[in-house]
Amino acid sequence: MPEPVTFGPDDLQRMARLLGVHIPPERLEGIAQQLEALYQGMARINAADLRDVEPAVTFQLPWKPRS
C-alpha cells in the first residue's frame, strides 16, 4: 500500500498561488480535506496490481482505409 497522502491548507494555498487562483482563507481547510481524500483514492487505484486482469468490455472500432 502506498504512503498516505497528506494535503493541508498550506499546500492548497501554495498550489492556488501558483495557478493564480484566490481561495478565501475560511474555505482552505475544507477544500484541502476534499483534495486529500481525492488524492488518497487515486493512490489506492494506482497501487492496484492489474497485470493479470482482463478488460470486462472491449471495443473493436470499424476500420476503413482512407480514400
C-alpha atoms as a PDB file:
ATOM      1  CA  MET A   1       0.000   0.000   0.000  1.00  0.00           C
ATOM      2  CA  PRO A   2       1.369   3.460  -0.833  1.00  0.00           C
ATOM      3  CA  GLU A   3       2.190   6.026   1.805  1.00  0.00           C
ATOM      4  CA  PRO A   4      -0.832   8.020   2.965  1.00  0.00           C
ATOM      5  CA  VAL A   5      -1.224  11.274   1.116  1.00  0.00           C
ATOM      6  CA  THR A   6      -1.333  14.382   3.246  1.00  0.00           C
ATOM      7  CA  PHE A   7      -2.564  17.641   1.812  1.00  0.00           C
ATOM      8  CA  GLY A   8      -3.079  20.603   4.105  1.00  0.00           C
ATOM      9  CA  PRO A   9      -4.311  24.173   3.799  1.00  0.00           C
ATOM     10  CA  ASP A  10      -0.755  25.476   3.309  1.00  0.00           C
ATOM     11  CA  ASP A  11      -0.236  23.088   0.384  1.00  0.00           C
ATOM     12  CA  LEU A  12      -3.523  24.206  -1.131  1.00  0.00           C
ATOM     13  CA  GLN A  13      -2.622  27.874  -0.704  1.00  0.00           C
ATOM     14  CA  ARG A  14       0.711  27.348  -2.475  1.00  0.00           C
ATOM     15  CA  MET A  15      -0.960  25.463  -5.309  1.00  0.00           C
ATOM     16  CA  ALA A  16      -3.626  28.138  -5.683  1.00  0.00           C
ATOM     17  CA  ARG A  17      -0.995  30.876  -5.717  1.00  0.00           C
ATOM     18  CA  LEU A  18       0.921  29.062  -8.487  1.00  0.00           C
ATOM     19  CA  LEU A  19      -2.268  28.772 -10.518  1.00  0.00           C
ATOM     20  CA  GLY A  20      -3.253  32.394  -9.908  1.00  0.00           C
ATOM     21  CA  VAL A  21      -6.423  31.391  -8.040  1.00  0.00           C
ATOM     22  CA  HIS A  22      -7.633  33.109  -4.886  1.00  0.00           C
ATOM     23  CA  ILE A  23      -9.210  30.874  -2.238  1.00  0.00           C
ATOM     24  CA  PRO A  24     -10.730  32.645   0.751  1.00  0.00           C
ATOM     25  CA  PRO A  25      -8.918  31.640   3.965  1.00  0.00           C
ATOM     26  CA  GLU A  26     -12.123  30.347   5.570  1.00  0.00           C
ATOM     27  CA  ARG A  27     -12.507  27.778   2.755  1.00  0.00           C
ATOM     28  CA  LEU A  28      -8.919  26.472   2.731  1.00  0.00           C
ATOM     29  CA  GLU A  29      -9.373  23.758   5.388  1.00  0.00           C
ATOM     30  CA  GLY A  30     -12.484  22.217   3.812  1.00  0.00           C
ATOM     31  CA  ILE A  31     -11.108  22.219   0.283  1.00  0.00           C
ATOM     32  CA  ALA A  32      -7.775  20.792   1.492  1.00  0.00           C
ATOM     33  CA  GLN A  33      -9.619  17.906   3.190  1.00  0.00           C
ATOM     34  CA  GLN A  34     -11.537  17.172  -0.008  1.00  0.00           C
ATOM     35  CA  LEU A  35      -8.347  17.189  -2.086  1.00  0.00           C
ATOM     36  CA  GLU A  36      -6.554  14.937   0.391  1.00  0.00           C
ATOM     37  CA  ALA A  37      -9.401  12.401   0.176  1.00  0.00           C
ATOM     38  CA  LEU A  38      -9.281  12.581  -3.613  1.00  0.00           C
ATOM     39  CA  TYR A  39      -5.500  12.000  -3.700  1.00  0.00           C
ATOM     40  CA  GLN A  40      -5.813   9.090  -1.260  1.00  0.00           C
ATOM     41  CA  GLY A  41      -8.413   7.479  -3.510  1.00  0.00           C
ATOM     42  CA  MET A  42      -6.205   7.904  -6.569  1.00  0.00           C
ATOM     43  CA  ALA A  43      -3.251   6.386  -4.694  1.00  0.00           C
ATOM     44  CA  ARG A  44      -5.310   3.254  -3.943  1.00  0.00           C
ATOM     45  CA  ILE A  45      -6.279   2.930  -7.605  1.00  0.00           C
ATOM     46  CA  ASN A  46      -2.688   3.383  -8.763  1.00  0.00           C
ATOM     47  CA  ALA A  47      -1.491   0.745  -6.281  1.00  0.00           C
ATOM     48  CA  ALA A  48      -3.797  -1.962  -7.651  1.00  0.00           C
ATOM     49  CA  ASP A  49      -1.960  -4.820  -9.370  1.00  0.00           C
ATOM     50  CA  LEU A  50      -3.802  -5.217 -12.670  1.00  0.00           C
ATOM     51  CA  ARG A  51      -1.269  -7.261 -14.646  1.00  0.00           C
ATOM     52  CA  ASP A  52      -3.456 -10.369 -14.946  1.00  0.00           C
ATOM     53  CA  VAL A  53      -6.817  -8.607 -15.137  1.00  0.00           C
ATOM     54  CA  GLU A  54      -8.650  -8.884 -18.421  1.00  0.00           C
ATOM     55  CA  PRO A  55     -10.849  -5.990 -19.506  1.00  0.00           C
ATOM     56  CA  ALA A  56     -14.550  -6.614 -18.937  1.00  0.00           C
ATOM     57  CA  VAL A  57     -15.509  -4.849 -22.158  1.00  0.00           C
ATOM     58  CA  THR A  58     -13.574  -4.482 -25.363  1.00  0.00           C
ATOM     59  CA  PHE A  59     -14.363  -2.322 -28.328  1.00  0.00           C
ATOM     60  CA  GLN A  60     -13.455  -3.117 -31.874  1.00  0.00           C
ATOM     61  CA  LEU A  61     -13.622   0.016 -33.933  1.00  0.00           C
ATOM     62  CA  PRO A  62     -14.517  -0.373 -37.591  1.00  0.00           C
ATOM     63  CA  TRP A  63     -11.532   0.203 -39.793  1.00  0.00           C
ATOM     64  CA  LYS A  64     -11.910   1.843 -43.155  1.00  0.00           C
ATOM     65  CA  PRO A  65      -8.985   2.608 -45.432  1.00  0.00           C
ATOM     66  CA  ARG A  66      -8.567   6.234 -46.350  1.00  0.00           C
ATOM     67  CA  SER A  67      -9.571   7.129 -49.879  1.00  0.00           C
END
